[in-house]
Full PDB file with SEQRES, HELIX, SHEET, SSBOND, CRYST1, ORIGX, SCALE, CONECT and MASTER records, all heavy atoms in Angstrom:
SEQRES   1 A   35  ASP LEU SER ILE ASP PHE ALA GLY ILE ARG SER PRO ASN          
SEQRES   2 A   35  PRO PHE TRP LEU ALA SER ALA PRO PRO THR ASN SER GLY          
SEQRES   3 A   35  ALA GLN ILE HIS ARG ALA PHE GLU TYR                          
HELIX    1 AA1 PRO A   21  THR A   23  5                                   3    
HELIX    2 AA2 GLY A   26  GLU A   34  1                                   9    
SHEET    1 AA1 2 ILE A   4  PHE A   6  0                                        
SHEET    2 AA1 2 ILE A   9  SER A  11 -1                                        
CRYST1    1.000    1.000    1.000  90.00  90.00  90.00 P 1           1          
ORIGX1      1.000000  0.000000  0.000000        0.00000                         
ORIGX2      0.000000  1.000000  0.000000        0.00000                         
ORIGX3      0.000000  0.000000  1.000000        0.00000                         
SCALE1      1.000000  0.000000  0.000000        0.00000                         
SCALE2      0.000000  1.000000  0.000000        0.00000                         
SCALE3      0.000000  0.000000  1.000000        0.00000                         
ATOM      1  N   ASP A   1     113.259 134.967 104.929  1.00  0.00           N  
ATOM      2  CA  ASP A   1     112.964 135.169 103.514  1.00  0.00           C  
ATOM      3  C   ASP A   1     111.620 135.892 103.409  1.00  0.00           C  
ATOM      4  O   ASP A   1     110.592 135.346 103.780  1.00  0.00           O  
ATOM      5  CB  ASP A   1     112.905 133.820 102.805  1.00  0.00           C  
ATOM      6  CG  ASP A   1     112.574 133.953 101.325  1.00  0.00           C  
ATOM      7  OD1 ASP A   1     112.545 135.088 100.805  1.00  0.00           O  
ATOM      8  OD2 ASP A   1     112.346 132.902 100.692  1.00  0.00           O  
ATOM      9  N   LEU A   2     111.635 137.110 102.928  1.00  0.00           N  
ATOM     10  CA  LEU A   2     110.412 137.917 102.800  1.00  0.00           C  
ATOM     11  C   LEU A   2     109.904 137.962 101.366  1.00  0.00           C  
ATOM     12  O   LEU A   2     108.983 138.711 101.055  1.00  0.00           O  
ATOM     13  CB  LEU A   2     110.665 139.349 103.289  1.00  0.00           C  
ATOM     14  CG  LEU A   2     111.054 139.516 104.748  1.00  0.00           C  
ATOM     15  CD1 LEU A   2     111.308 140.989 105.051  1.00  0.00           C  
ATOM     16  CD2 LEU A   2     109.989 138.959 105.665  1.00  0.00           C  
ATOM     17  N   SER A   3     110.516 137.187 100.478  1.00  0.00           N  
ATOM     18  CA  SER A   3     110.131 137.251  99.065  1.00  0.00           C  
ATOM     19  C   SER A   3     108.676 136.834  98.883  1.00  0.00           C  
ATOM     20  O   SER A   3     108.137 136.027  99.644  1.00  0.00           O  
ATOM     21  CB  SER A   3     111.050 136.376  98.223  1.00  0.00           C  
ATOM     22  OG  SER A   3     110.928 135.016  98.594  1.00  0.00           O  
ATOM     23  N   ILE A   4     108.049 137.418  97.880  1.00  0.00           N  
ATOM     24  CA  ILE A   4     106.642 137.151  97.610  1.00  0.00           C  
ATOM     25  C   ILE A   4     106.413 136.900  96.127  1.00  0.00           C  
ATOM     26  O   ILE A   4     107.238 137.246  95.290  1.00  0.00           O  
ATOM     27  CB  ILE A   4     105.717 138.308  98.074  1.00  0.00           C  
ATOM     28  CG1 ILE A   4     106.003 139.596  97.280  1.00  0.00           C  
ATOM     29  CG2 ILE A   4     105.834 138.533  99.563  1.00  0.00           C  
ATOM     30  CD1 ILE A   4     104.922 140.636  97.382  1.00  0.00           C  
ATOM     31  N   ASP A   5     105.263 136.296  95.864  1.00  0.00           N  
ATOM     32  CA  ASP A   5     104.754 136.135  94.509  1.00  0.00           C  
ATOM     33  C   ASP A   5     103.325 136.661  94.542  1.00  0.00           C  
ATOM     34  O   ASP A   5     102.452 136.065  95.166  1.00  0.00           O  
ATOM     35  CB  ASP A   5     104.775 134.656  94.104  1.00  0.00           C  
ATOM     36  CG  ASP A   5     104.300 134.438  92.678  1.00  0.00           C  
ATOM     37  OD1 ASP A   5     103.317 135.087  92.259  1.00  0.00           O  
ATOM     38  OD2 ASP A   5     104.898 133.607  91.988  1.00  0.00           O  
ATOM     39  N   PHE A   6     103.118 137.793  93.919  1.00  0.00           N  
ATOM     40  CA  PHE A   6     101.797 138.415  93.880  1.00  0.00           C  
ATOM     41  C   PHE A   6     101.327 138.430  92.433  1.00  0.00           C  
ATOM     42  O   PHE A   6     101.926 139.088  91.595  1.00  0.00           O  
ATOM     43  CB  PHE A   6     101.858 139.842  94.435  1.00  0.00           C  
ATOM     44  CG  PHE A   6     100.573 140.605  94.281  1.00  0.00           C  
ATOM     45  CD1 PHE A   6      99.470 140.289  95.057  1.00  0.00           C  
ATOM     46  CD2 PHE A   6     100.460 141.611  93.344  1.00  0.00           C  
ATOM     47  CE1 PHE A   6      98.285 140.985  94.903  1.00  0.00           C  
ATOM     48  CE2 PHE A   6      99.281 142.311  93.182  1.00  0.00           C  
ATOM     49  CZ  PHE A   6      98.188 141.995  93.970  1.00  0.00           C  
ATOM     50  N   ALA A   7     100.305 137.652  92.149  1.00  0.00           N  
ATOM     51  CA  ALA A   7      99.739 137.579  90.794  1.00  0.00           C  
ATOM     52  C   ALA A   7     100.792 137.178  89.764  1.00  0.00           C  
ATOM     53  O   ALA A   7     100.770 137.635  88.625  1.00  0.00           O  
ATOM     54  CB  ALA A   7      99.066 138.896  90.412  1.00  0.00           C  
ATOM     55  N   GLY A   8     101.750 136.353  90.188  1.00  0.00           N  
ATOM     56  CA  GLY A   8     102.810 135.932  89.286  1.00  0.00           C  
ATOM     57  C   GLY A   8     103.981 136.894  89.217  1.00  0.00           C  
ATOM     58  O   GLY A   8     104.915 136.687  88.451  1.00  0.00           O  
ATOM     59  N   ILE A   9     103.949 137.940  90.025  1.00  0.00           N  
ATOM     60  CA  ILE A   9     105.016 138.940  90.053  1.00  0.00           C  
ATOM     61  C   ILE A   9     105.840 138.699  91.316  1.00  0.00           C  
ATOM     62  O   ILE A   9     105.315 138.751  92.418  1.00  0.00           O  
ATOM     63  CB  ILE A   9     104.446 140.373  90.061  1.00  0.00           C  
ATOM     64  CG1 ILE A   9     103.562 140.595  88.829  1.00  0.00           C  
ATOM     65  CG2 ILE A   9     105.566 141.400  90.139  1.00  0.00           C  
ATOM     66  CD1 ILE A   9     102.696 141.829  88.913  1.00  0.00           C  
ATOM     67  N   ARG A  10     107.129 138.431  91.130  1.00  0.00           N  
ATOM     68  CA  ARG A  10     107.994 138.146  92.268  1.00  0.00           C  
ATOM     69  C   ARG A  10     108.741 139.399  92.699  1.00  0.00           C  
ATOM     70  O   ARG A  10     109.079 140.243  91.874  1.00  0.00           O  
ATOM     71  CB  ARG A  10     108.984 137.046  91.915  1.00  0.00           C  
ATOM     72  CG  ARG A  10     108.290 135.721  91.640  1.00  0.00           C  
ATOM     73  CD  ARG A  10     109.145 134.499  91.828  1.00  0.00           C  
ATOM     74  NE  ARG A  10     109.975 134.456  93.018  1.00  0.00           N  
ATOM     75  CZ  ARG A  10     109.557 134.125  94.246  1.00  0.00           C  
ATOM     76  NH1 ARG A  10     108.298 133.838  94.468  1.00  0.00           N  
ATOM     77  NH2 ARG A  10     110.403 134.090  95.253  1.00  0.00           N  
ATOM     78  N   SER A  11     108.971 139.495  94.012  1.00  0.00           N  
ATOM     79  CA  SER A  11     109.813 140.567  94.531  1.00  0.00           C  
ATOM     80  C   SER A  11     110.455 140.079  95.827  1.00  0.00           C  
ATOM     81  O   SER A  11     109.952 139.154  96.459  1.00  0.00           O  
ATOM     82  CB  SER A  11     109.013 141.855  94.747  1.00  0.00           C  
ATOM     83  OG  SER A  11     108.196 141.769  95.884  1.00  0.00           O  
ATOM     84  N   PRO A  12     111.568 140.714  96.221  1.00  0.00           N  
ATOM     85  CA  PRO A  12     112.284 140.251  97.401  1.00  0.00           C  
ATOM     86  C   PRO A  12     111.561 140.501  98.718  1.00  0.00           C  
ATOM     87  O   PRO A  12     111.904 139.908  99.730  1.00  0.00           O  
ATOM     88  CB  PRO A  12     113.608 141.014  97.347  1.00  0.00           C  
ATOM     89  CG  PRO A  12     113.344 142.201  96.497  1.00  0.00           C  
ATOM     90  CD  PRO A  12     112.270 141.797  95.535  1.00  0.00           C  
ATOM     91  N   ASN A  13     110.564 141.380  98.706  1.00  0.00           N  
ATOM     92  CA  ASN A  13     109.778 141.629  99.915  1.00  0.00           C  
ATOM     93  C   ASN A  13     108.435 142.242  99.522  1.00  0.00           C  
ATOM     94  O   ASN A  13     108.253 142.680  98.381  1.00  0.00           O  
ATOM     95  CB  ASN A  13     110.549 142.519 100.908  1.00  0.00           C  
ATOM     96  CG  ASN A  13     110.812 143.903 100.375  1.00  0.00           C  
ATOM     97  OD1 ASN A  13     109.910 144.656 100.035  1.00  0.00           O  
ATOM     98  ND2 ASN A  13     112.099 144.262 100.295  1.00  0.00           N  
ATOM     99  N   PRO A  14     107.473 142.284 100.451  1.00  0.00           N  
ATOM    100  CA  PRO A  14     106.138 142.780 100.121  1.00  0.00           C  
ATOM    101  C   PRO A  14     105.976 144.292 100.242  1.00  0.00           C  
ATOM    102  O   PRO A  14     104.866 144.800 100.142  1.00  0.00           O  
ATOM    103  CB  PRO A  14     105.257 142.076 101.152  1.00  0.00           C  
ATOM    104  CG  PRO A  14     106.139 141.923 102.344  1.00  0.00           C  
ATOM    105  CD  PRO A  14     107.519 141.683 101.787  1.00  0.00           C  
ATOM    106  N   PHE A  15     107.057 145.011 100.416  1.00  0.00           N  
ATOM    107  CA  PHE A  15     106.983 146.456 100.613  1.00  0.00           C  
ATOM    108  C   PHE A  15     107.133 147.156  99.266  1.00  0.00           C  
ATOM    109  O   PHE A  15     108.230 147.223  98.702  1.00  0.00           O  
ATOM    110  CB  PHE A  15     108.038 146.908 101.630  1.00  0.00           C  
ATOM    111  CG  PHE A  15     107.896 146.192 102.933  1.00  0.00           C  
ATOM    112  CD1 PHE A  15     108.751 145.163 103.274  1.00  0.00           C  
ATOM    113  CD2 PHE A  15     106.861 146.515 103.797  1.00  0.00           C  
ATOM    114  CE1 PHE A  15     108.606 144.479 104.462  1.00  0.00           C  
ATOM    115  CE2 PHE A  15     106.700 145.836 104.986  1.00  0.00           C  
ATOM    116  CZ  PHE A  15     107.576 144.802 105.320  1.00  0.00           C  
ATOM    117  N   TRP A  16     106.011 147.640  98.757  1.00  0.00           N  
ATOM    118  CA  TRP A  16     105.974 148.287  97.446  1.00  0.00           C  
ATOM    119  C   TRP A  16     105.462 149.711  97.597  1.00  0.00           C  
ATOM    120  O   TRP A  16     104.578 149.989  98.418  1.00  0.00           O  
ATOM    121  CB  TRP A  16     105.023 147.553  96.498  1.00  0.00           C  
ATOM    122  CG  TRP A  16     105.419 146.167  96.103  1.00  0.00           C  
ATOM    123  CD1 TRP A  16     106.426 145.399  96.601  1.00  0.00           C  
ATOM    124  CD2 TRP A  16     104.776 145.374  95.112  1.00  0.00           C  
ATOM    125  NE1 TRP A  16     106.451 144.187  95.991  1.00  0.00           N  
ATOM    126  CE2 TRP A  16     105.456 144.136  95.074  1.00  0.00           C  
ATOM    127  CE3 TRP A  16     103.706 145.582  94.259  1.00  0.00           C  
ATOM    128  CZ2 TRP A  16     105.079 143.109  94.199  1.00  0.00           C  
ATOM    129  CZ3 TRP A  16     103.344 144.565  93.393  1.00  0.00           C  
ATOM    130  CH2 TRP A  16     104.024 143.339  93.359  1.00  0.00           C  
ATOM    131  N   LEU A  17     105.990 150.601  96.790  1.00  0.00           N  
ATOM    132  CA  LEU A  17     105.467 151.963  96.719  1.00  0.00           C  
ATOM    133  C   LEU A  17     104.265 151.984  95.784  1.00  0.00           C  
ATOM    134  O   LEU A  17     104.284 151.360  94.720  1.00  0.00           O  
ATOM    135  CB  LEU A  17     106.529 152.920  96.177  1.00  0.00           C  
ATOM    136  CG  LEU A  17     107.716 153.195  97.095  1.00  0.00           C  
ATOM    137  CD1 LEU A  17     108.790 153.968  96.352  1.00  0.00           C  
ATOM    138  CD2 LEU A  17     107.271 153.952  98.334  1.00  0.00           C  
ATOM    139  N   ALA A  18     103.234 152.704  96.174  1.00  0.00           N  
ATOM    140  CA  ALA A  18     102.036 152.844  95.344  1.00  0.00           C  
ATOM    141  C   ALA A  18     102.273 153.902  94.272  1.00  0.00           C  
ATOM    142  O   ALA A  18     103.189 154.720  94.358  1.00  0.00           O  
ATOM    143  CB  ALA A  18     100.846 153.250  96.211  1.00  0.00           C  
ATOM    144  N   SER A  19     101.419 153.879  93.276  1.00  0.00           N  
ATOM    145  CA  SER A  19     101.450 154.875  92.212  1.00  0.00           C  
ATOM    146  C   SER A  19     101.094 156.237  92.812  1.00  0.00           C  
ATOM    147  O   SER A  19      99.976 156.445  93.265  1.00  0.00           O  
ATOM    148  CB  SER A  19     100.431 154.487  91.135  1.00  0.00           C  
ATOM    149  OG  SER A  19     100.308 155.520  90.196  1.00  0.00           O  
ATOM    150  N   ALA A  20     102.062 157.149  92.825  1.00  0.00           N  
ATOM    151  CA  ALA A  20     101.889 158.449  93.478  1.00  0.00           C  
ATOM    152  C   ALA A  20     103.099 159.324  93.150  1.00  0.00           C  
ATOM    153  O   ALA A  20     104.024 158.864  92.468  1.00  0.00           O  
ATOM    154  CB  ALA A  20     101.766 158.246  94.996  1.00  0.00           C  
ATOM    155  N   PRO A  21     103.152 160.556  93.633  1.00  0.00           N  
ATOM    156  CA  PRO A  21     104.308 161.409  93.346  1.00  0.00           C  
ATOM    157  C   PRO A  21     105.672 160.778  93.645  1.00  0.00           C  
ATOM    158  O   PRO A  21     106.618 161.005  92.887  1.00  0.00           O  
ATOM    159  CB  PRO A  21     104.042 162.656  94.199  1.00  0.00           C  
ATOM    160  CG  PRO A  21     102.545 162.749  94.216  1.00  0.00           C  
ATOM    161  CD  PRO A  21     102.075 161.321  94.317  1.00  0.00           C  
ATOM    162  N   PRO A  22     105.836 159.935  94.683  1.00  0.00           N  
ATOM    163  CA  PRO A  22     107.162 159.341  94.915  1.00  0.00           C  
ATOM    164  C   PRO A  22     107.609 158.322  93.866  1.00  0.00           C  
ATOM    165  O   PRO A  22     108.741 157.868  93.892  1.00  0.00           O  
ATOM    166  CB  PRO A  22     107.026 158.668  96.285  1.00  0.00           C  
ATOM    167  CG  PRO A  22     105.890 159.355  96.944  1.00  0.00           C  
ATOM    168  CD  PRO A  22     104.954 159.715  95.836  1.00  0.00           C  
ATOM    169  N   THR A  23     106.710 157.942  92.937  1.00  0.00           N  
ATOM    170  CA  THR A  23     107.088 156.982  91.891  1.00  0.00           C  
ATOM    171  C   THR A  23     106.988 157.615  90.501  1.00  0.00           C  
ATOM    172  O   THR A  23     106.730 156.941  89.519  1.00  0.00           O  
ATOM    173  CB  THR A  23     106.210 155.716  91.961  1.00  0.00           C  
ATOM    174  OG1 THR A  23     104.847 156.068  91.722  1.00  0.00           O  
ATOM    175  CG2 THR A  23     106.343 155.019  93.291  1.00  0.00           C  
ATOM    176  N   ASN A  24     107.224 158.909  90.434  1.00  0.00           N  
ATOM    177  CA  ASN A  24     107.053 159.658  89.193  1.00  0.00           C  
ATOM    178  C   ASN A  24     108.273 159.646  88.283  1.00  0.00           C  
ATOM    179  O   ASN A  24     108.212 160.166  87.178  1.00  0.00           O  
ATOM    180  CB  ASN A  24     106.669 161.113  89.511  1.00  0.00           C  
ATOM    181  CG  ASN A  24     106.193 161.861  88.292  1.00  0.00           C  
ATOM    182  OD1 ASN A  24     105.518 161.317  87.424  1.00  0.00           O  
ATOM    183  ND2 ASN A  24     106.555 163.135  88.199  1.00  0.00           N  
ATOM    184  N   SER A  25     109.379 159.048  88.728  1.00  0.00           N  
ATOM    185  CA  SER A  25     110.563 159.047  87.865  1.00  0.00           C  
ATOM    186  C   SER A  25     111.452 157.856  88.187  1.00  0.00           C  
ATOM    187  O   SER A  25     111.389 157.286  89.276  1.00  0.00           O  
ATOM    188  CB  SER A  25     111.367 160.342  88.032  1.00  0.00           C  
ATOM    189  OG  SER A  25     112.050 160.340  89.268  1.00  0.00           O  
ATOM    190  N   GLY A  26     112.302 157.549  87.232  1.00  0.00           N  
ATOM    191  CA  GLY A  26     113.266 156.483  87.440  1.00  0.00           C  
ATOM    192  C   GLY A  26     114.200 156.777  88.592  1.00  0.00           C  
ATOM    193  O   GLY A  26     114.556 155.873  89.359  1.00  0.00           O  
ATOM    194  N   ALA A  27     114.617 158.034  88.741  1.00  0.00           N  
ATOM    195  CA  ALA A  27     115.537 158.396  89.833  1.00  0.00           C  
ATOM    196  C   ALA A  27     114.898 158.121  91.191  1.00  0.00           C  
ATOM    197  O   ALA A  27     115.565 157.614  92.105  1.00  0.00           O  
ATOM    198  CB  ALA A  27     115.927 159.865  89.719  1.00  0.00           C  
ATOM    199  N   GLN A  28     113.618 158.437  91.327  1.00  0.00           N  
ATOM    200  CA  GLN A  28     112.938 158.208  92.605  1.00  0.00           C  
ATOM    201  C   GLN A  28     112.818 156.720  92.909  1.00  0.00           C  
ATOM    202  O   GLN A  28     113.058 156.279  94.037  1.00  0.00           O  
ATOM    203  CB  GLN A  28     111.547 158.846  92.572  1.00  0.00           C  
ATOM    204  CG  GLN A  28     111.579 160.360  92.558  1.00  0.00           C  
ATOM    205  CD  GLN A  28     110.204 160.923  92.255  1.00  0.00           C  
ATOM    206  OE1 GLN A  28     109.702 160.784  91.147  1.00  0.00           O  
ATOM    207  NE2 GLN A  28     109.600 161.546  93.252  1.00  0.00           N  
ATOM    208  N   ILE A  29     112.452 155.932  91.919  1.00  0.00           N  
ATOM    209  CA  ILE A  29     112.281 154.497  92.141  1.00  0.00           C  
ATOM    210  C   ILE A  29     113.639 153.837  92.346  1.00  0.00           C  
ATOM    211  O   ILE A  29     113.784 152.956  93.207  1.00  0.00           O  
ATOM    212  CB  ILE A  29     111.469 153.863  90.998  1.00  0.00           C  
ATOM    213  CG1 ILE A  29     110.033 154.406  91.066  1.00  0.00           C  
ATOM    214  CG2 ILE A  29     111.491 152.343  91.096  1.00  0.00           C  
ATOM    215  CD1 ILE A  29     109.129 153.965  89.946  1.00  0.00           C  
ATOM    216  N   HIS A  30     114.651 154.269  91.626  1.00  0.00           N  
ATOM    217  CA  HIS A  30     116.005 153.742  91.829  1.00  0.00           C  
ATOM    218  C   HIS A  30     116.428 153.960  93.284  1.00  0.00           C  
ATOM    219  O   HIS A  30     116.954 153.043  93.937  1.00  0.00           O  
ATOM    220  CB  HIS A  30     116.973 154.433  90.865  1.00  0.00           C  
ATOM    221  CG  HIS A  30     118.382 153.962  90.974  1.00  0.00           C  
ATOM    222  ND1 HIS A  30     118.801 152.751  90.479  1.00  0.00           N  
ATOM    223  CD2 HIS A  30     119.475 154.532  91.544  1.00  0.00           C  
ATOM    224  CE1 HIS A  30     120.091 152.586  90.732  1.00  0.00           C  
ATOM    225  NE2 HIS A  30     120.516 153.660  91.368  1.00  0.00           N  
ATOM    226  N   ARG A  31     116.194 155.156  93.802  1.00  0.00           N  
ATOM    227  CA  ARG A  31     116.552 155.473  95.187  1.00  0.00           C  
ATOM    228  C   ARG A  31     115.774 154.582  96.159  1.00  0.00           C  
ATOM    229  O   ARG A  31     116.331 154.061  97.124  1.00  0.00           O  
ATOM    230  CB  ARG A  31     116.268 156.951  95.474  1.00  0.00           C  
ATOM    231  CG  ARG A  31     116.861 157.433  96.781  1.00  0.00           C  
ATOM    232  CD  ARG A  31     116.736 158.952  96.971  1.00  0.00           C  
ATOM    233  NE  ARG A  31     117.121 159.697  95.790  1.00  0.00           N  
ATOM    234  CZ  ARG A  31     116.287 160.485  95.094  1.00  0.00           C  
ATOM    235  NH1 ARG A  31     115.047 160.637  95.456  1.00  0.00           N  
ATOM    236  NH2 ARG A  31     116.713 161.126  94.028  1.00  0.00           N  
ATOM    237  N   ALA A  32     114.486 154.380  95.887  1.00  0.00           N  
ATOM    238  CA  ALA A  32     113.672 153.522  96.758  1.00  0.00           C  
ATOM    239  C   ALA A  32     114.214 152.095  96.765  1.00  0.00           C  
ATOM    240  O   ALA A  32     114.307 151.460  97.825  1.00  0.00           O  
ATOM    241  CB  ALA A  32     112.219 153.536  96.292  1.00  0.00           C  
ATOM    242  N   PHE A  33     114.594 151.592  95.605  1.00  0.00           N  
ATOM    243  CA  PHE A  33     115.126 150.235  95.527  1.00  0.00           C  
ATOM    244  C   PHE A  33     116.479 150.141  96.250  1.00  0.00           C  
ATOM    245  O   PHE A  33     116.778 149.134  96.881  1.00  0.00           O  
ATOM    246  CB  PHE A  33     115.240 149.774  94.085  1.00  0.00           C  
ATOM    247  CG  PHE A  33     113.910 149.475  93.424  1.00  0.00           C  
ATOM    248  CD1 PHE A  33     113.844 149.251  92.059  1.00  0.00           C  
ATOM    249  CD2 PHE A  33     112.730 149.406  94.154  1.00  0.00           C  
ATOM    250  CE1 PHE A  33     112.626 148.956  91.446  1.00  0.00           C  
ATOM    251  CE2 PHE A  33     111.516 149.131  93.549  1.00  0.00           C  
ATOM    252  CZ  PHE A  33     111.461 148.901  92.185  1.00  0.00           C  
ATOM    253  N   GLU A  34     117.289 151.198  96.161  1.00  0.00           N  
ATOM    254  CA  GLU A  34     118.553 151.204  96.911  1.00  0.00           C  
ATOM    255  C   GLU A  34     118.297 151.084  98.411  1.00  0.00           C  
ATOM    256  O   GLU A  34     119.092 150.485  99.124  1.00  0.00           O  
ATOM    257  CB  GLU A  34     119.336 152.492  96.632  1.00  0.00           C  
ATOM    258  CG  GLU A  34     120.001 152.534  95.280  1.00  0.00           C  
ATOM    259  CD  GLU A  34     120.791 153.811  95.060  1.00  0.00           C  
ATOM    260  OE1 GLU A  34     120.367 154.886  95.558  1.00  0.00           O  
ATOM    261  OE2 GLU A  34     121.830 153.733  94.393  1.00  0.00           O  
ATOM    262  N   TYR A  35     117.208 151.647  98.882  1.00  0.00           N  
ATOM    263  CA  TYR A  35     116.865 151.599 100.307  1.00  0.00           C  
ATOM    264  C   TYR A  35     116.100 150.336 100.694  1.00  0.00           C  
ATOM    265  O   TYR A  35     115.695 150.187 101.833  1.00  0.00           O  
ATOM    266  CB  TYR A  35     116.087 152.852 100.712  1.00  0.00           C  
ATOM    267  CG  TYR A  35     116.988 154.045 100.900  1.00  0.00           C  
ATOM    268  CD1 TYR A  35     117.115 155.003  99.906  1.00  0.00           C  
ATOM    269  CD2 TYR A  35     117.741 154.197 102.061  1.00  0.00           C  
ATOM    270  CE1 TYR A  35     117.962 156.095 100.064  1.00  0.00           C  
ATOM    271  CE2 TYR A  35     118.584 155.282 102.231  1.00  0.00           C  
ATOM    272  CZ  TYR A  35     118.690 156.222 101.229  1.00  0.00           C  
ATOM    273  OH  TYR A  35     119.539 157.296 101.391  1.00  0.00           O  
TER     274      TYR A  35                                                      
MASTER        0    0    0    2    2    0    0    6  273    1    0    3          
END                                                                             
């Protein structure tokens, strides 16, 4: 189980994309979440 709670924010794992060109659209983030 890799799920985390960071500052009250839950996610299934600690691998998050930072604010940058790869997070500039819903399509990009949707693809990242699919992976």
